[in-house]
Protein backbone atom coordinates (compact mmCIF):
# COMPACT_ATOMS: atom_id res chain seq x y z
CA MET A 1 27.95 0.90 2.64
CA SER A 2 26.90 4.16 4.24
CA ARG A 3 23.60 4.16 6.05
CA VAL A 4 20.82 6.08 4.36
CA TRP A 5 18.31 6.24 7.18
CA ARG A 6 18.20 7.84 10.63
CA SER A 7 16.29 7.00 13.76
CA LEU A 8 14.38 8.44 16.69
CA TRP A 9 15.82 5.92 19.11
CA PRO A 10 13.89 4.81 22.22
CA ARG A 11 15.06 5.85 25.62
CA VAL A 12 16.31 3.36 28.21
CA GLY A 13 16.64 4.60 31.79
CA GLY A 14 16.16 8.23 30.73
CA MET A 15 18.88 8.14 28.06
CA ARG A 16 18.73 7.39 24.37
CA VAL A 17 19.71 3.84 23.50
CA GLU A 18 22.55 5.01 21.26
CA GLU A 19 23.89 7.18 24.07
CA LYS A 20 24.20 4.16 26.33
CA ILE A 21 25.54 1.70 23.78
CA GLY A 22 27.68 4.16 21.86
CA CYS A 23 25.89 3.63 18.55
CA GLY A 24 25.95 6.38 15.93
CA CYS A 25 23.27 4.82 13.75
CA ARG A 26 21.38 7.23 11.49
CA TYR A 27 17.95 5.61 11.12
CA VAL A 28 14.63 7.39 11.00
CA ALA A 29 11.66 5.64 12.55
CA VAL A 30 8.53 7.79 12.49
CA ARG A 31 5.31 7.08 14.26
CA ARG A 32 2.07 7.90 12.50
CA ALA A 33 -1.65 7.85 13.22
CA SER A 34 -3.23 5.79 15.97
CA VAL A 35 -6.05 3.56 14.75
CA GLU A 36 -7.68 3.79 18.17
CA ALA A 37 -7.71 7.51 18.68
CA GLY A 38 -6.63 9.20 15.48
CA THR A 39 -5.87 12.37 17.38
CA GLU A 40 -2.08 12.50 17.13
CA SER A 41 -0.61 15.45 15.30
CA ARG A 42 2.32 14.99 12.94
CA SER A 43 5.73 16.39 13.62
CA PRO A 44 7.71 18.17 10.89
CA ARG A 45 9.87 15.05 10.55
CA GLU A 46 6.76 12.91 9.99
CA GLU A 47 5.55 15.29 7.30
CA GLU A 48 8.91 15.13 5.55
CA SER A 49 8.88 11.32 5.42
CA SER A 50 5.23 11.01 4.33
CA LEU A 51 4.21 11.26 0.71
CA PRO A 52 1.75 13.97 -0.39
CA LEU A 53 -1.83 12.73 -0.70
CA VAL A 54 -1.81 13.02 -4.49
CA GLN A 55 1.29 10.80 -4.62
CA ARG A 56 -0.34 8.20 -2.38
CA CYS A 57 -3.36 8.20 -4.69
CA LYS A 58 -1.15 7.81 -7.76
CA ASN A 59 0.75 4.92 -6.15
CA LEU A 60 -2.43 3.00 -5.35
CA LEU A 61 -3.86 3.59 -8.80
CA ALA A 62 -0.61 2.64 -10.57
CA ALA A 63 0.16 -0.45 -8.47
CA ASN A 64 -3.26 -2.10 -8.75
CA TRP A 65 -5.05 -3.55 -11.74
CA ARG A 66 -8.50 -4.34 -10.30
CA ALA A 67 -11.08 -1.85 -9.11
CA GLN A 68 -14.74 -1.71 -8.17
CA ILE A 69 -16.84 0.32 -10.57
CA THR A 70 -20.34 1.42 -9.64
CA THR A 71 -22.90 2.81 -12.10
CA ILE A 72 -26.53 3.92 -11.83
CA ASN A 73 -28.94 1.19 -12.86
CA ALA A 74 -30.81 1.97 -16.05
CA ASN A 75 -33.64 -0.51 -15.47
CA ASP A 76 -36.25 0.80 -13.08
CA GLU A 77 -37.87 -2.39 -11.80
CA GLY A 78 -39.68 -0.92 -8.84
CA PRO A 79 -38.85 0.65 -5.47
CA ASP A 80 -37.10 -2.48 -4.17
CA ALA A 81 -34.76 -2.80 -7.16
CA PRO A 82 -31.13 -1.85 -6.56
CA LYS A 83 -30.34 1.69 -7.62
CA VAL A 84 -26.76 0.95 -8.56
CA HIS A 85 -24.72 -1.86 -10.09
CA GLY A 86 -21.20 -2.59 -8.89
CA SER A 87 -18.55 -5.10 -9.92
CA LEU A 88 -14.79 -5.68 -10.06
CA VAL A 89 -13.10 -4.94 -13.38
CA ASN A 90 -9.55 -4.84 -14.65
CA TYR A 91 -8.12 -1.44 -15.43
CA ILE A 92 -4.94 0.42 -16.26
CA LEU A 93 -4.03 4.00 -15.45
CA VAL A 94 -2.99 6.15 -18.41
CA GLY A 95 -1.93 9.57 -17.20
CA GLY A 96 -4.69 10.50 -14.79
CA ASN A 97 -7.42 8.47 -16.49
CA PRO A 98 -8.31 4.87 -15.57
CA LEU A 99 -9.17 2.74 -18.61
CA LEU A 100 -11.68 0.02 -17.72
CA TRP A 101 -12.17 -3.38 -19.37
CA ILE A 102 -15.89 -4.08 -18.93
CA PRO A 103 -17.19 -7.51 -20.07
CA LYS A 104 -19.59 -7.47 -23.00
CA ASN A 105 -23.29 -7.42 -22.10
CA ASP A 106 -22.52 -6.36 -18.54
CA ALA A 107 -25.19 -4.09 -17.03
CA HIS A 108 -22.58 -1.30 -16.88
CA GLU A 109 -22.72 -0.91 -20.66
CA LEU A 110 -26.40 0.01 -20.75
CA ASN A 111 -26.15 2.03 -17.55
CA LEU A 112 -23.41 4.22 -18.99
CA VAL A 113 -25.31 4.81 -22.21
CA LEU A 114 -28.12 6.45 -20.24
CA ASP A 115 -26.03 8.01 -17.46
CA GLU A 116 -22.27 8.43 -17.82
CA ARG A 117 -21.68 9.03 -14.12
CA GLY A 118 -19.67 6.38 -12.33
CA SER A 119 -17.47 5.80 -9.30
CA LEU A 120 -14.28 3.79 -9.00
CA VAL A 121 -12.74 2.47 -5.79
CA VAL A 122 -9.15 1.21 -5.80
CA GLY A 123 -7.53 -0.37 -2.78
CA HIS A 124 -6.08 -3.66 -1.59
CA THR A 125 -7.89 -6.56 -3.27
CA ASP A 126 -4.54 -8.35 -2.80
CA PRO A 127 -2.51 -9.70 -1.10
CA PRO A 128 -4.90 -12.13 0.66
CA PRO A 129 -3.10 -12.34 4.06
CA LEU A 130 -3.17 -8.56 4.37
CA VAL A 131 -6.84 -8.36 3.39
CA ARG A 132 -7.68 -10.95 6.05
CA ALA A 133 -5.79 -8.94 8.66
CA TRP A 134 -7.80 -5.82 7.84
CA ARG A 135 -11.06 -7.77 8.09
CA GLU A 136 -10.12 -9.26 11.47
CA ILE A 137 -9.81 -5.80 12.99
CA GLY A 138 -12.92 -4.50 11.28
CA ARG A 139 -11.08 -2.05 9.04
CA VAL A 140 -10.58 -1.55 5.34
CA PRO A 141 -7.19 -0.67 3.88
CA PRO A 142 -6.33 2.76 2.44
CA ARG A 143 -8.11 3.34 -0.85
CA VAL A 144 -8.78 5.87 -3.56
CA MET A 145 -12.31 6.91 -4.52
CA LEU A 146 -12.90 8.54 -7.89
CA LEU A 147 -16.09 10.09 -9.21
CA GLY A 148 -16.42 11.12 -12.83
CA SER A 149 -17.81 10.49 -16.26
CA VAL A 150 -17.23 7.15 -17.97
CA ALA A 151 -17.38 6.91 -21.76
CA PRO A 152 -16.45 4.21 -24.29
CA LEU A 153 -13.18 4.66 -26.13
CA GLN A 154 -13.36 5.67 -29.77
CA ARG A 155 -12.29 2.97 -32.22
CA HIS A 156 -9.31 5.00 -33.42
CA GLU A 157 -7.99 5.09 -29.84
CA LEU A 158 -7.97 1.32 -29.31
CA ASP A 159 -4.64 0.56 -30.97
CA TYR A 160 -2.88 3.28 -28.99
CA VAL A 161 -4.35 1.99 -25.71
CA LYS A 162 -3.34 -1.58 -26.45
CA ARG A 163 0.21 -0.42 -27.15
CA ARG A 164 0.25 1.35 -23.78
CA VAL A 165 -0.99 -1.79 -22.04
CA ALA A 166 1.64 -3.89 -23.82
CA LYS A 167 4.33 -1.46 -22.67
CA VAL A 168 3.21 -1.78 -19.05
CA HIS A 169 2.97 -5.56 -19.43
CA PHE A 170 6.56 -5.82 -20.62
CA ALA A 171 7.77 -3.44 -17.91
CA VAL A 172 6.09 -5.51 -15.18
CA SER A 173 7.43 -8.78 -16.61
CA ASP A 174 10.95 -7.34 -16.94
CA ALA A 175 10.86 -6.03 -13.36
CA VAL A 176 10.32 -9.59 -12.15
CA LYS A 177 12.77 -11.26 -14.53
CA GLU A 178 15.57 -8.74 -13.89
CA ALA A 179 15.11 -8.54 -10.11
CA GLY A 180 18.32 -8.68 -8.09
CA ALA A 181 19.04 -11.16 -5.32
CA ALA A 182 17.48 -9.05 -2.54
CA LEU A 183 14.23 -8.50 -4.41
CA GLN A 184 14.07 -12.07 -5.72
CA SER A 185 14.22 -13.46 -2.19
CA VAL A 186 11.16 -11.39 -1.26
CA LEU A 187 9.21 -12.08 -4.46
CA HIS A 188 9.84 -15.80 -4.05
CA GLU A 189 7.79 -15.73 -0.86
CA SER A 190 4.88 -14.14 -2.72
CA GLY A 191 4.18 -17.21 -4.83
CA THR A 192 1.66 -16.78 -7.64
CA LEU A 193 0.90 -13.13 -6.85
CA VAL A 194 4.25 -12.07 -8.33
CA ASN A 195 2.93 -12.94 -11.81
CA SER A 196 -0.72 -12.00 -11.25
CA ARG A 197 -0.45 -8.51 -12.69
CA ALA A 198 1.35 -9.65 -15.83
CA GLN A 199 -1.21 -12.42 -16.27
CA ALA A 200 -4.04 -9.90 -15.97
CA LEU A 201 -2.46 -7.48 -18.45
CA GLU A 202 -1.78 -10.06 -21.16
CA PRO A 203 -5.46 -10.71 -22.08
CA MET A 204 -6.09 -6.97 -21.88
CA VAL A 205 -3.59 -6.54 -24.72
CA LYS A 206 -5.19 -9.30 -26.78
CA THR A 207 -8.81 -8.45 -26.01
CA THR A 208 -11.38 -8.41 -28.83
CA ASP A 209 -14.57 -6.42 -29.29
CA ALA A 210 -16.54 -9.59 -28.65
CA GLU A 211 -15.12 -9.97 -25.15
CA TYR A 212 -14.80 -6.53 -23.62
CA SER A 213 -15.72 -2.91 -24.08
CA ILE A 214 -13.02 -0.45 -23.06
CA PHE A 215 -14.18 2.65 -21.24
CA SER A 216 -12.24 5.70 -20.10
CA MET A 217 -12.99 7.49 -16.88
CA ALA A 218 -12.46 11.25 -16.62
CA PRO A 219 -12.24 11.85 -12.84
CA LYS A 220 -13.97 14.96 -11.56
CA SER A 221 -13.28 14.36 -7.88
CA CYS A 222 -10.82 12.25 -5.93
CA HIS A 223 -10.60 11.28 -2.27
CA PHE A 224 -7.92 9.36 -0.39
CA VAL A 225 -9.41 7.31 2.46
CA ASP A 226 -6.96 6.53 5.26
CA VAL A 227 -6.90 3.61 7.72
CA LEU A 228 -9.12 5.53 10.12
CA GLY A 229 -11.77 5.97 7.44
CA GLY A 230 -11.06 9.67 7.10
CA ARG A 231 -11.57 11.16 3.64
CA HIS A 232 -9.03 13.59 2.24
CA GLU A 233 -9.90 15.50 -0.92
CA VAL A 234 -7.30 15.54 -3.69
CA ASP A 235 -7.46 17.61 -6.87
CA ALA A 236 -8.21 15.01 -9.55
CA ALA A 237 -6.39 17.15 -12.13
CA ASP A 238 -3.12 16.69 -10.21
CA ILE A 239 -3.07 12.89 -10.55
CA ALA A 240 -1.84 12.96 -14.13
CA GLY A 241 1.22 15.02 -13.21
CA ALA A 242 2.19 12.99 -10.12
CA ALA A 243 5.20 10.70 -10.54
CA VAL A 244 4.79 6.93 -10.63
CA ASP A 245 6.74 5.45 -7.73
CA PRO A 246 9.52 3.05 -8.84
CA LEU A 247 8.16 0.34 -6.53
CA CYS A 248 4.73 0.26 -8.18
CA ARG A 249 5.53 -2.41 -10.78
CA VAL A 250 5.98 -5.09 -8.12
CA LEU A 251 4.47 -3.37 -5.08
CA LEU A 252 1.73 -5.86 -4.17
CA ALA A 253 4.04 -8.85 -4.61
CA LEU A 254 6.68 -7.04 -2.54
CA ILE A 255 4.22 -6.42 0.30
CA ASP A 256 2.90 -9.98 0.09
CA GLY A 257 6.40 -11.49 0.14
CA ILE A 258 7.35 -9.57 3.28
CA ASN A 259 4.13 -10.48 5.07
CA LYS A 260 4.40 -14.19 4.19
CA SER A 261 7.91 -14.45 5.63
CA GLU A 262 7.95 -15.10 9.37
CA THR A 263 11.52 -13.79 9.55
CA ARG A 264 10.61 -10.48 7.94
CA ARG A 265 7.40 -10.19 9.96
CA PHE A 266 9.47 -10.66 13.12
CA ALA A 267 11.80 -7.93 11.85
CA LEU A 268 8.81 -5.55 11.72
CA ILE A 269 8.12 -6.36 15.38
CA VAL A 270 11.76 -5.66 16.21
CA PHE A 271 11.61 -2.35 14.32
CA CYS A 272 8.72 -1.26 16.55
CA ALA A 273 10.59 -2.35 19.68
CA VAL A 274 13.98 -0.83 18.85
CA TYR A 275 13.04 2.38 17.06
CA LEU A 276 9.77 3.20 18.82
CA GLN A 277 10.00 1.21 22.06
CA VAL A 278 6.53 -0.08 21.35
CA ARG A 279 5.79 -3.72 22.16
CA VAL A 280 3.69 -5.36 19.46
CA GLN A 281 2.58 -8.95 19.07
CA ASP A 282 1.93 -8.87 15.33
CA ALA A 283 2.74 -6.60 12.42
CA TYR A 284 2.06 -6.29 8.69
CA ILE A 285 3.58 -3.99 6.12
CA PHE A 286 0.76 -2.50 4.05
CA ALA A 287 2.35 0.33 2.06
CA ALA A 288 5.82 0.97 0.65
CA ASP A 289 7.38 3.63 -1.51
CA ARG A 290 10.72 5.20 -2.34
CA TRP A 291 10.66 7.20 0.91
CA GLY A 292 9.72 4.50 3.42
CA PHE A 293 7.00 2.08 4.45
CA ASN A 294 3.91 1.81 6.66
CA VAL A 295 3.23 -0.93 9.20
CA LEU A 296 -0.03 -2.03 10.79
CA ALA A 297 0.88 -3.40 14.22
CA ASN A 298 -1.09 -4.95 17.07
CA VAL A 299 0.22 -3.15 20.15
CA MET A 300 0.30 -5.21 23.33
CA PRO A 301 -1.55 -3.58 26.25
CA LYS A 302 0.44 -2.40 29.23
CA GLU A 303 0.35 -4.57 32.31
CA ASP A 304 -1.76 -2.04 34.18
CA SER A 305 -4.15 -1.56 31.25
CA ASP A 306 -7.79 -2.68 31.33
CA ALA A 307 -7.93 -2.98 27.55
CA VAL A 308 -10.03 -5.93 26.44
CA ASP A 309 -10.81 -5.40 22.78
CA SER A 310 -7.60 -6.25 20.91
CA ASN A 311 -9.05 -4.67 17.76
CA LYS A 312 -8.62 -1.25 19.39
CA LEU A 313 -4.91 -1.87 19.91
CA TRP A 314 -3.94 -1.81 16.24
CA ARG A 315 -1.78 1.14 15.22
CA GLU A 316 -0.27 2.47 12.03
CA PHE A 317 3.43 3.31 12.07
CA ARG A 318 5.50 5.04 9.41
CA PHE A 319 9.19 4.24 8.95
CA GLY A 320 10.66 6.94 6.74
CA PHE A 321 14.00 6.83 4.94
CA ALA A 322 16.39 9.78 5.03
CA ARG A 323 16.57 9.75 1.23
CA GLU A 324 14.69 7.96 -1.49
CA VAL A 325 15.60 4.56 -2.89
CA LYS A 326 15.84 4.19 -6.65
CA ASP A 327 13.95 0.93 -7.13
CA ALA A 328 12.46 -2.14 -5.45
CA GLU A 329 15.89 -3.81 -5.27
CA GLY A 330 17.26 -0.84 -3.36
CA PHE A 331 14.26 -0.98 -1.04
CA CYS A 332 14.91 -4.64 -0.24
CA VAL A 333 18.63 -4.06 0.30
CA LEU A 334 17.84 -1.23 2.70
CA LEU A 335 15.25 -3.32 4.52
CA ALA A 336 17.75 -6.18 4.94
CA GLU A 337 20.33 -3.82 6.42
CA MET A 338 17.73 -2.39 8.78
CA GLU A 339 16.90 -5.94 9.90
CA LYS A 340 20.53 -6.73 10.64
CA GLU A 341 21.36 -3.51 12.42
CA SER A 342 18.15 -3.39 14.43
CA LEU A 343 18.89 -6.90 15.74
CA ASP A 344 22.42 -5.76 16.61
CA ALA A 345 20.97 -2.72 18.39
CA LEU A 346 18.52 -4.98 20.22
CA LYS A 347 21.39 -7.11 21.54
CA LYS A 348 23.32 -4.03 22.67
CA ALA A 349 20.23 -2.56 24.34
CA GLN A 350 19.78 -5.87 26.17
CA GLU A 351 23.35 -5.63 27.46
CA VAL A 352 22.64 -2.14 28.81
CA ASP A 353 19.20 -2.94 30.18
CA PRO A 354 18.61 -6.68 30.82
CA ASP A 355 14.84 -6.11 30.86
CA PHE A 356 14.70 -4.30 27.48
CA LEU A 357 14.01 -7.47 25.48
CA LYS A 358 11.40 -8.68 27.94
CA ARG A 359 9.56 -5.35 27.90
CA ASN A 360 9.64 -4.69 24.17
CA VAL A 361 9.69 -7.97 22.22
CA PRO A 362 6.98 -10.62 22.77
CA LYS A 363 7.99 -14.22 23.24
C-alpha cells in the first residue's frame, strides 16, 4: 500500500532523521498552537492541513447530539433571581439549523414564548476520559457557540423532521454494524459510547407531544472557540452549505476508543517524539477528520527548565494527512500504518543516535 501522508521529520545531530537512516517516508506531522503561549504563527503547510473554521463548526455540530441551551427567564422574581435558564437537551442538525427536543413543561417553553432569543453551546460532553483531561488542566475543549431565534416547529413539519431523524439514526447504526476490522477494533475499546448516539436518536424518532416540544433554532451568529479560549467568528449562513465530514457518524466513539487504549495512547506519544521531536508524558486525541487529527499532549519540561506548573505544559498538535481519507475505516487503517512505521522509524533513529529514545520517549 502506498503511503498517503508525509512528514516534517525531526533532526538528529543536525541532519534529518530520514537522511541518516535512509528512510523515504512521506508523512506529514504538523505542529499547531501552544496552549501556554498561543503566539505561534501557522506555516502554509499547517494551513493546508487544517480545516476551515466553518468546517470545524459543522463537524462539531454534526458529530454531537447534546447541547446546552440558554434562554432568558420569563419570571421576574426579584433582583436575586437568575436572569437566564440553561440546560442540556438533545438535538439534531438539519442543514444549518439545530432542532432541539425540549422536555414538556420545561422553563424554556415559557421563556421562548415571551422572548425567542436563545444561545446554544456544542462541544465535548463525551467521551468522559477526555472531558476529565480538559478539566485537570483547567481548560474546556473546542466548542461552537450559536446565537439566534428559537421557535417551535409547526405541526405540519413534525413528520418530515422525524423522517430526517430516523434517517440519521439508521445511518449511525449502520456505520457501527458495517464497520471494518480496523474500525471495529477501535470502537470495541469505546464500550457503551459506541451506541450512545443511536440510543439517543431512537426516542427522538418516537417522541410524542406529551413528552417533548421540538424547537428549531435559526442561528444569527456563530463563533468557534479554540483550546486557548479564543473566539473566531464564522458566518452562520455558511454552516448549511459546509460538508458533513465522513467521520462524524462515529467520531466521539472513535476518539474515545483511541484514548481508552494504552497502546494507541502510547502511539500518540511516539508520534510526537518521531515526527516533532517533542517529548511528552501523556497525550489524548481530541479531534479527527478526513484530513488529519489533533492531539492534546503534556510536554515534559527540559532538564534546565524551571517550569513547575504542569498545566502550562500542555500543547495542541495537528497531524495532517497528505490527502483525505474516505471514511472512518480508512482513518483507522491509516492510523495503524502510522503506528507501525513510526515505531520502525523510532528503532532506526535509536540505531543512529543511541540517546534518541531516552531524550524523546518517556519511560
